[in-house]
Amino acid sequence: MNSAKKLFDECLAEIPAEVKQEISISFAIANRIDELLKEQHLTQKEFAKQIGKTPAEVSRWLSGTHNFTLKTIALVSNALHCDIVKVI
């Protein structure tokens, strides 16, 4: 194993499980929103206007690193007429 890969693996091993889970969920939400926008033939700009947000904010959401609030998830779910997160 090369030294860069070994160092990367060591750093990754130090990340707490809950942080890994948080990142995974955040990326899953971003991917789901992106899928729905494509299915509904909406650009990020059009969607942002529809929900009263800036295109830059929607872009941050889709980066996968945004910490979504329940309010934002509900707003997006309602606007796209589809659940973004399903708990039950």
PDB file of N, CA and C in Angstrom:
ATOM      1  N   MET A   1       0.853  -1.166   0.000  1.00  0.00           N
ATOM      2  CA  MET A   1       0.000   0.000   0.000  1.00  0.00           C
ATOM      3  C   MET A   1       0.903   1.234   0.000  1.00  0.00           C
ATOM      4  N   ASN A   2       0.587   2.206  -0.872  1.00  0.00           N
ATOM      5  CA  ASN A   2       1.434   3.400  -0.899  1.00  0.00           C
ATOM      6  C   ASN A   2       1.158   4.277   0.313  1.00  0.00           C
ATOM      7  N   SER A   3       2.070   5.180   0.595  1.00  0.00           N
ATOM      8  CA  SER A   3       1.987   5.970   1.821  1.00  0.00           C
ATOM      9  C   SER A   3       0.799   6.924   1.839  1.00  0.00           C
ATOM     10  N   ALA A   4       0.410   7.465   0.684  1.00  0.00           N
ATOM     11  CA  ALA A   4      -0.738   8.374   0.635  1.00  0.00           C
ATOM     12  C   ALA A   4      -2.027   7.627   0.973  1.00  0.00           C
ATOM     13  N   LYS A   5      -2.180   6.443   0.425  1.00  0.00           N
ATOM     14  CA  LYS A   5      -3.370   5.623   0.705  1.00  0.00           C
ATOM     15  C   LYS A   5      -3.399   5.232   2.181  1.00  0.00           C
ATOM     16  N   LYS A   6      -2.252   4.866   2.713  1.00  0.00           N
ATOM     17  CA  LYS A   6      -2.170   4.475   4.122  1.00  0.00           C
ATOM     18  C   LYS A   6      -2.547   5.651   5.026  1.00  0.00           C
ATOM     19  N   LEU A   7      -2.010   6.823   4.720  1.00  0.00           N
ATOM     20  CA  LEU A   7      -2.317   8.022   5.495  1.00  0.00           C
ATOM     21  C   LEU A   7      -3.805   8.350   5.401  1.00  0.00           C
ATOM     22  N   PHE A   8      -4.364   8.262   4.206  1.00  0.00           N
ATOM     23  CA  PHE A   8      -5.792   8.515   4.018  1.00  0.00           C
ATOM     24  C   PHE A   8      -6.616   7.549   4.856  1.00  0.00           C
ATOM     25  N   ASP A   9      -6.296   6.276   4.797  1.00  0.00           N
ATOM     26  CA  ASP A   9      -7.027   5.265   5.570  1.00  0.00           C
ATOM     27  C   ASP A   9      -6.923   5.517   7.070  1.00  0.00           C
ATOM     28  N   GLU A  10      -5.751   5.948   7.533  1.00  0.00           N
ATOM     29  CA  GLU A  10      -5.569   6.250   8.953  1.00  0.00           C
ATOM     30  C   GLU A  10      -6.425   7.450   9.364  1.00  0.00           C
ATOM     31  N   CYS A  11      -6.453   8.464   8.529  1.00  0.00           N
ATOM     32  CA  CYS A  11      -7.269   9.651   8.820  1.00  0.00           C
ATOM     33  C   CYS A  11      -8.755   9.297   8.820  1.00  0.00           C
ATOM     34  N   LEU A  12      -9.166   8.516   7.856  1.00  0.00           N
ATOM     35  CA  LEU A  12     -10.561   8.095   7.762  1.00  0.00           C
ATOM     36  C   LEU A  12     -10.972   7.278   8.979  1.00  0.00           C
ATOM     37  N   ALA A  13     -10.092   6.458   9.469  1.00  0.00           N
ATOM     38  CA  ALA A  13     -10.390   5.622  10.634  1.00  0.00           C
ATOM     39  C   ALA A  13     -10.616   6.451  11.893  1.00  0.00           C
ATOM     40  N   GLU A  14     -10.065   7.659  11.925  1.00  0.00           N
ATOM     41  CA  GLU A  14     -10.200   8.519  13.102  1.00  0.00           C
ATOM     42  C   GLU A  14     -11.512   9.300  13.129  1.00  0.00           C
ATOM     43  N   ILE A  15     -12.256   9.286  12.037  1.00  0.00           N
ATOM     44  CA  ILE A  15     -13.522  10.015  11.982  1.00  0.00           C
ATOM     45  C   ILE A  15     -14.579   9.206  12.729  1.00  0.00           C
ATOM     46  N   PRO A  16     -15.273   9.844  13.686  1.00  0.00           N
ATOM     47  CA  PRO A  16     -16.295   9.125  14.443  1.00  0.00           C
ATOM     48  C   PRO A  16     -17.419   8.602  13.539  1.00  0.00           C
ATOM     49  N   ALA A  17     -17.982   7.482  13.923  1.00  0.00           N
ATOM     50  CA  ALA A  17     -19.036   6.833  13.126  1.00  0.00           C
ATOM     51  C   ALA A  17     -20.223   7.757  12.882  1.00  0.00           C
ATOM     52  N   GLU A  18     -20.584   8.555  13.899  1.00  0.00           N
ATOM     53  CA  GLU A  18     -21.746   9.436  13.726  1.00  0.00           C
ATOM     54  C   GLU A  18     -21.472  10.533  12.704  1.00  0.00           C
ATOM     55  N   VAL A  19     -20.240  10.966  12.582  1.00  0.00           N
ATOM     56  CA  VAL A  19     -19.887  11.970  11.578  1.00  0.00           C
ATOM     57  C   VAL A  19     -19.954  11.338  10.181  1.00  0.00           C
ATOM     58  N   LYS A  20     -19.451  10.126  10.050  1.00  0.00           N
ATOM     59  CA  LYS A  20     -19.558   9.415   8.767  1.00  0.00           C
ATOM     60  C   LYS A  20     -21.016   9.248   8.371  1.00  0.00           C
ATOM     61  N   GLN A  21     -21.870   8.906   9.343  1.00  0.00           N
ATOM     62  CA  GLN A  21     -23.296   8.726   9.073  1.00  0.00           C
ATOM     63  C   GLN A  21     -23.941  10.050   8.663  1.00  0.00           C
ATOM     64  N   GLU A  22     -23.593  11.127   9.353  1.00  0.00           N
ATOM     65  CA  GLU A  22     -24.134  12.452   9.030  1.00  0.00           C
ATOM     66  C   GLU A  22     -23.794  12.837   7.590  1.00  0.00           C
ATOM     67  N   ILE A  23     -22.559  12.607   7.205  1.00  0.00           N
ATOM     68  CA  ILE A  23     -22.119  12.935   5.844  1.00  0.00           C
ATOM     69  C   ILE A  23     -22.855  12.070   4.823  1.00  0.00           C
ATOM     70  N   SER A  24     -23.003  10.808   5.132  1.00  0.00           N
ATOM     71  CA  SER A  24     -23.709   9.899   4.233  1.00  0.00           C
ATOM     72  C   SER A  24     -25.155  10.336   4.026  1.00  0.00           C
ATOM     73  N   ILE A  25     -25.830  10.705   5.103  1.00  0.00           N
ATOM     74  CA  ILE A  25     -27.225  11.153   5.009  1.00  0.00           C
ATOM     75  C   ILE A  25     -27.317  12.453   4.226  1.00  0.00           C
ATOM     76  N   SER A  26     -26.416  13.376   4.490  1.00  0.00           N
ATOM     77  CA  SER A  26     -26.425  14.661   3.801  1.00  0.00           C
ATOM     78  C   SER A  26     -26.257  14.481   2.292  1.00  0.00           C
ATOM     79  N   PHE A  27     -25.317  13.618   1.899  1.00  0.00           N
ATOM     80  CA  PHE A  27     -25.126  13.349   0.475  1.00  0.00           C
ATOM     81  C   PHE A  27     -26.338  12.636  -0.131  1.00  0.00           C
ATOM     82  N   ALA A  28     -26.971  11.750   0.617  1.00  0.00           N
ATOM     83  CA  ALA A  28     -28.158  11.050   0.120  1.00  0.00           C
ATOM     84  C   ALA A  28     -29.299  12.035  -0.128  1.00  0.00           C
ATOM     85  N   ILE A  29     -29.480  12.983   0.773  1.00  0.00           N
ATOM     86  CA  ILE A  29     -30.525  13.999   0.598  1.00  0.00           C
ATOM     87  C   ILE A  29     -30.219  14.856  -0.627  1.00  0.00           C
ATOM     88  N   ALA A  30     -28.997  15.301  -0.748  1.00  0.00           N
ATOM     89  CA  ALA A  30     -28.603  16.117  -1.896  1.00  0.00           C
ATOM     90  C   ALA A  30     -28.814  15.354  -3.203  1.00  0.00           C
ATOM     91  N   ASN A  31     -28.438  14.086  -3.226  1.00  0.00           N
ATOM     92  CA  ASN A  31     -28.626  13.274  -4.435  1.00  0.00           C
ATOM     93  C   ASN A  31     -30.103  13.104  -4.768  1.00  0.00           C
ATOM     94  N   ARG A  32     -30.928  12.921  -3.744  1.00  0.00           N
ATOM     95  CA  ARG A  32     -32.378  12.753  -3.958  1.00  0.00           C
ATOM     96  C   ARG A  32     -32.974  14.031  -4.539  1.00  0.00           C
ATOM     97  N   ILE A  33     -32.594  15.181  -3.999  1.00  0.00           N
ATOM     98  CA  ILE A  33     -33.098  16.448  -4.534  1.00  0.00           C
ATOM     99  C   ILE A  33     -32.664  16.611  -5.981  1.00  0.00           C
ATOM    100  N   ASP A  34     -31.414  16.318  -6.270  1.00  0.00           N
ATOM    101  CA  ASP A  34     -30.904  16.422  -7.637  1.00  0.00           C
ATOM    102  C   ASP A  34     -31.676  15.505  -8.582  1.00  0.00           C
ATOM    103  N   GLU A  35     -31.936  14.278  -8.160  1.00  0.00           N
ATOM    104  CA  GLU A  35     -32.718  13.335  -8.977  1.00  0.00           C
ATOM    105  C   GLU A  35     -34.101  13.897  -9.281  1.00  0.00           C
ATOM    106  N   LEU A  36     -34.762  14.434  -8.261  1.00  0.00           N
ATOM    107  CA  LEU A  36     -36.114  14.964  -8.439  1.00  0.00           C
ATOM    108  C   LEU A  36     -36.118  16.184  -9.350  1.00  0.00           C
ATOM    109  N   LEU A  37     -35.125  17.035  -9.220  1.00  0.00           N
ATOM    110  CA  LEU A  37     -35.042  18.188 -10.112  1.00  0.00           C
ATOM    111  C   LEU A  37     -34.912  17.726 -11.567  1.00  0.00           C
ATOM    112  N   LYS A  38     -34.087  16.727 -11.797  1.00  0.00           N
ATOM    113  CA  LYS A  38     -33.909  16.202 -13.160  1.00  0.00           C
ATOM    114  C   LYS A  38     -35.198  15.565 -13.667  1.00  0.00           C
ATOM    115  N   GLU A  39     -35.853  14.765 -12.820  1.00  0.00           N
ATOM    116  CA  GLU A  39     -37.114  14.118 -13.210  1.00  0.00           C
ATOM    117  C   GLU A  39     -38.175  15.147 -13.582  1.00  0.00           C
ATOM    118  N   GLN A  40     -38.170  16.271 -12.871  1.00  0.00           N
ATOM    119  CA  GLN A  40     -39.184  17.303 -13.092  1.00  0.00           C
ATOM    120  C   GLN A  40     -38.708  18.386 -14.066  1.00  0.00           C
ATOM    121  N   HIS A  41     -37.555  18.151 -14.656  1.00  0.00           N
ATOM    122  CA  HIS A  41     -36.982  19.062 -15.657  1.00  0.00           C
ATOM    123  C   HIS A  41     -36.878  20.487 -15.129  1.00  0.00           C
ATOM    124  N   LEU A  42     -36.405  20.606 -13.881  1.00  0.00           N
ATOM    125  CA  LEU A  42     -36.199  21.908 -13.253  1.00  0.00           C
ATOM    126  C   LEU A  42     -34.707  22.186 -13.124  1.00  0.00           C
ATOM    127  N   THR A  43     -34.318  23.392 -13.457  1.00  0.00           N
ATOM    128  CA  THR A  43     -32.943  23.795 -13.200  1.00  0.00           C
ATOM    129  C   THR A  43     -32.845  24.242 -11.744  1.00  0.00           C
ATOM    130  N   GLN A  44     -31.637  24.331 -11.245  1.00  0.00           N
ATOM    131  CA  GLN A  44     -31.445  24.828  -9.880  1.00  0.00           C
ATOM    132  C   GLN A  44     -31.986  26.250  -9.761  1.00  0.00           C
ATOM    133  N   LYS A  45     -31.765  27.028 -10.789  1.00  0.00           N
ATOM    134  CA  LYS A  45     -32.223  28.420 -10.783  1.00  0.00           C
ATOM    135  C   LYS A  45     -33.752  28.492 -10.737  1.00  0.00           C
ATOM    136  N   GLU A  46     -34.414  27.696 -11.553  1.00  0.00           N
ATOM    137  CA  GLU A  46     -35.879  27.681 -11.562  1.00  0.00           C
ATOM    138  C   GLU A  46     -36.430  27.223 -10.211  1.00  0.00           C
ATOM    139  N   PHE A  47     -35.813  26.186  -9.676  1.00  0.00           N
ATOM    140  CA  PHE A  47     -36.256  25.658  -8.390  1.00  0.00           C
ATOM    141  C   PHE A  47     -36.055  26.687  -7.283  1.00  0.00           C
ATOM    142  N   ALA A  48     -34.921  27.354  -7.291  1.00  0.00           N
ATOM    143  CA  ALA A  48     -34.635  28.374  -6.285  1.00  0.00           C
ATOM    144  C   ALA A  48     -35.697  29.470  -6.326  1.00  0.00           C
ATOM    145  N   LYS A  49     -36.049  29.915  -7.512  1.00  0.00           N
ATOM    146  CA  LYS A  49     -37.073  30.954  -7.659  1.00  0.00           C
ATOM    147  C   LYS A  49     -38.420  30.452  -7.135  1.00  0.00           C
ATOM    148  N   GLN A  50     -38.738  29.211  -7.443  1.00  0.00           N
ATOM    149  CA  GLN A  50     -40.008  28.615  -7.028  1.00  0.00           C
ATOM    150  C   GLN A  50     -40.160  28.594  -5.503  1.00  0.00           C
ATOM    151  N   ILE A  51     -39.069  28.366  -4.791  1.00  0.00           N
ATOM    152  CA  ILE A  51     -39.161  28.247  -3.332  1.00  0.00           C
ATOM    153  C   ILE A  51     -38.663  29.492  -2.592  1.00  0.00           C
ATOM    154  N   GLY A  52     -38.336  30.542  -3.340  1.00  0.00           N
ATOM    155  CA  GLY A  52     -37.917  31.789  -2.716  1.00  0.00           C
ATOM    156  C   GLY A  52     -36.519  31.762  -2.123  1.00  0.00           C
ATOM    157  N   LYS A  53     -35.651  30.974  -2.722  1.00  0.00           N
ATOM    158  CA  LYS A  53     -34.254  30.889  -2.280  1.00  0.00           C
ATOM    159  C   LYS A  53     -33.355  31.364  -3.411  1.00  0.00           C
ATOM    160  N   THR A  54     -32.101  31.606  -3.100  1.00  0.00           N
ATOM    161  CA  THR A  54     -31.155  32.003  -4.147  1.00  0.00           C
ATOM    162  C   THR A  54     -30.589  30.753  -4.824  1.00  0.00           C
ATOM    163  N   PRO A  55     -30.212  30.885  -6.084  1.00  0.00           N
ATOM    164  CA  PRO A  55     -29.563  29.755  -6.749  1.00  0.00           C
ATOM    165  C   PRO A  55     -28.307  29.287  -6.005  1.00  0.00           C
ATOM    166  N   ALA A  56     -27.585  30.221  -5.390  1.00  0.00           N
ATOM    167  CA  ALA A  56     -26.375  29.858  -4.641  1.00  0.00           C
ATOM    168  C   ALA A  56     -26.726  28.967  -3.457  1.00  0.00           C
ATOM    169  N   GLU A  57     -27.844  29.259  -2.797  1.00  0.00           N
ATOM    170  CA  GLU A  57     -28.242  28.430  -1.656  1.00  0.00           C
ATOM    171  C   GLU A  57     -28.612  27.018  -2.107  1.00  0.00           C
ATOM    172  N   VAL A  58     -29.352  26.906  -3.192  1.00  0.00           N
ATOM    173  CA  VAL A  58     -29.699  25.584  -3.720  1.00  0.00           C
ATOM    174  C   VAL A  58     -28.439  24.848  -4.139  1.00  0.00           C
ATOM    175  N   SER A  59     -27.498  25.550  -4.722  1.00  0.00           N
ATOM    176  CA  SER A  59     -26.228  24.938  -5.102  1.00  0.00           C
ATOM    177  C   SER A  59     -25.497  24.384  -3.880  1.00  0.00           C
ATOM    178  N   ARG A  60     -25.504  25.133  -2.782  1.00  0.00           N
ATOM    179  CA  ARG A  60     -24.877  24.647  -1.540  1.00  0.00           C
ATOM    180  C   ARG A  60     -25.583  23.388  -1.051  1.00  0.00           C
ATOM    181  N   TRP A  61     -26.913  23.361  -1.145  1.00  0.00           N
ATOM    182  CA  TRP A  61     -27.651  22.169  -0.730  1.00  0.00           C
ATOM    183  C   TRP A  61     -27.183  20.958  -1.521  1.00  0.00           C
ATOM    184  N   LEU A  62     -27.018  21.144  -2.820  1.00  0.00           N
ATOM    185  CA  LEU A  62     -26.680  20.025  -3.696  1.00  0.00           C
ATOM    186  C   LEU A  62     -25.212  19.641  -3.645  1.00  0.00           C
ATOM    187  N   SER A  63     -24.419  20.397  -2.909  1.00  0.00           N
ATOM    188  CA  SER A  63     -23.000  20.055  -2.759  1.00  0.00           C
ATOM    189  C   SER A  63     -22.822  18.816  -1.881  1.00  0.00           C
ATOM    190  N   GLY A  64     -23.843  18.522  -1.069  1.00  0.00           N
ATOM    191  CA  GLY A  64     -23.774  17.356  -0.193  1.00  0.00           C
ATOM    192  C   GLY A  64     -23.177  17.651   1.163  1.00  0.00           C
ATOM    193  N   THR A  65     -22.775  18.887   1.388  1.00  0.00           N
ATOM    194  CA  THR A  65     -22.163  19.215   2.671  1.00  0.00           C
ATOM    195  C   THR A  65     -23.045  20.123   3.520  1.00  0.00           C
ATOM    196  N   HIS A  66     -24.249  20.397   3.048  1.00  0.00           N
ATOM    197  CA  HIS A  66     -25.176  21.263   3.774  1.00  0.00           C
ATOM    198  C   HIS A  66     -25.828  20.505   4.924  1.00  0.00           C
ATOM    199  N   ASN A  67     -25.978  21.170   6.059  1.00  0.00           N
ATOM    200  CA  ASN A  67     -26.659  20.576   7.205  1.00  0.00           C
ATOM    201  C   ASN A  67     -28.138  20.928   7.099  1.00  0.00           C
ATOM    202  N   PHE A  68     -28.921  20.047   6.502  1.00  0.00           N
ATOM    203  CA  PHE A  68     -30.343  20.298   6.272  1.00  0.00           C
ATOM    204  C   PHE A  68     -31.123  20.370   7.582  1.00  0.00           C
ATOM    205  N   THR A  69     -31.992  21.370   7.672  1.00  0.00           N
ATOM    206  CA  THR A  69     -32.920  21.434   8.792  1.00  0.00           C
ATOM    207  C   THR A  69     -34.207  20.725   8.384  1.00  0.00           C
ATOM    208  N   LEU A  70     -35.004  20.378   9.361  1.00  0.00           N
ATOM    209  CA  LEU A  70     -36.300  19.774   9.049  1.00  0.00           C
ATOM    210  C   LEU A  70     -37.158  20.741   8.244  1.00  0.00           C
ATOM    211  N   LYS A  71     -37.044  22.016   8.545  1.00  0.00           N
ATOM    212  CA  LYS A  71     -37.798  23.041   7.821  1.00  0.00           C
ATOM    213  C   LYS A  71     -37.425  23.033   6.335  1.00  0.00           C
ATOM    214  N   THR A  72     -36.141  22.949   6.041  1.00  0.00           N
ATOM    215  CA  THR A  72     -35.688  22.925   4.646  1.00  0.00           C
ATOM    216  C   THR A  72     -36.140  21.650   3.950  1.00  0.00           C
ATOM    217  N   ILE A  73     -36.032  20.523   4.634  1.00  0.00           N
ATOM    218  CA  ILE A  73     -36.466  19.253   4.049  1.00  0.00           C
ATOM    219  C   ILE A  73     -37.958  19.304   3.742  1.00  0.00           C
ATOM    220  N   ALA A  74     -38.748  19.866   4.658  1.00  0.00           N
ATOM    221  CA  ALA A  74     -40.193  19.983   4.438  1.00  0.00           C
ATOM    222  C   ALA A  74     -40.489  20.923   3.274  1.00  0.00           C
ATOM    223  N   LEU A  75     -39.777  22.037   3.191  1.00  0.00           N
ATOM    224  CA  LEU A  75     -39.956  22.991   2.097  1.00  0.00           C
ATOM    225  C   LEU A  75     -39.688  22.331   0.753  1.00  0.00           C
ATOM    226  N   VAL A  76     -38.570  21.631   0.661  1.00  0.00           N
ATOM    227  CA  VAL A  76     -38.182  20.984  -0.592  1.00  0.00           C
ATOM    228  C   VAL A  76     -39.155  19.854  -0.940  1.00  0.00           C
ATOM    229  N   SER A  77     -39.513  19.049   0.040  1.00  0.00           N
ATOM    230  CA  SER A  77     -40.463  17.950  -0.191  1.00  0.00           C
ATOM    231  C   SER A  77     -41.785  18.477  -0.716  1.00  0.00           C
ATOM    232  N   ASN A  78     -42.279  19.542  -0.098  1.00  0.00           N
ATOM    233  CA  ASN A  78     -43.549  20.131  -0.513  1.00  0.00           C
ATOM    234  C   ASN A  78     -43.459  20.700  -1.929  1.00  0.00           C
ATOM    235  N   ALA A  79     -42.381  21.411  -2.211  1.00  0.00           N
ATOM    236  CA  ALA A  79     -42.217  22.027  -3.528  1.00  0.00           C
ATOM    237  C   ALA A  79     -42.079  20.996  -4.639  1.00  0.00           C
ATOM    238  N   LEU A  80     -41.428  19.874  -4.337  1.00  0.00           N
ATOM    239  CA  LEU A  80     -41.219  18.841  -5.360  1.00  0.00           C
ATOM    240  C   LEU A  80     -42.288  17.752  -5.322  1.00  0.00           C
ATOM    241  N   HIS A  81     -43.245  17.898  -4.397  1.00  0.00           N
ATOM    242  CA  HIS A  81     -44.373  16.952  -4.282  1.00  0.00           C
ATOM    243  C   HIS A  81     -43.900  15.518  -4.093  1.00  0.00           C
ATOM    244  N   CYS A  82     -42.859  15.375  -3.291  1.00  0.00           N
ATOM    245  CA  CYS A  82     -42.294  14.048  -3.060  1.00  0.00           C
ATOM    246  C   CYS A  82     -41.494  14.058  -1.768  1.00  0.00           C
ATOM    247  N   ASP A  83     -41.562  12.958  -1.013  1.00  0.00           N
ATOM    248  CA  ASP A  83     -40.766  12.862   0.200  1.00  0.00           C
ATOM    249  C   ASP A  83     -39.280  12.828  -0.153  1.00  0.00           C
ATOM    250  N   ILE A  84     -38.519  13.645   0.559  1.00  0.00           N
ATOM    251  CA  ILE A  84     -37.069  13.644   0.401  1.00  0.00           C
ATOM    252  C   ILE A  84     -36.468  12.630   1.375  1.00  0.00           C
ATOM    253  N   VAL A  85     -37.026  12.596   2.568  1.00  0.00           N
ATOM    254  CA  VAL A  85     -36.594  11.677   3.613  1.00  0.00           C
ATOM    255  C   VAL A  85     -37.819  10.916   4.075  1.00  0.00           C
ATOM    256  N   LYS A  86     -37.680   9.623   4.179  1.00  0.00           N
ATOM    257  CA  LYS A  86     -38.785   8.802   4.660  1.00  0.00           C
ATOM    258  C   LYS A  86     -38.339   8.119   5.945  1.00  0.00           C
ATOM    259  N   VAL A  87     -39.057   8.404   7.022  1.00  0.00           N
ATOM    260  CA  VAL A  87     -38.679   7.876   8.325  1.00  0.00           C
ATOM    261  C   VAL A  87     -39.492   6.633   8.653  1.00  0.00           C
ATOM    262  N   ILE A  88     -40.725   6.650   8.283  1.00  0.00           N
ATOM    263  CA  ILE A  88     -41.621   5.535   8.623  1.00  0.00           C
ATOM    264  C   ILE A  88     -41.800   4.629   7.424  1.00  0.00           C
TER     265      ILE A  88
END
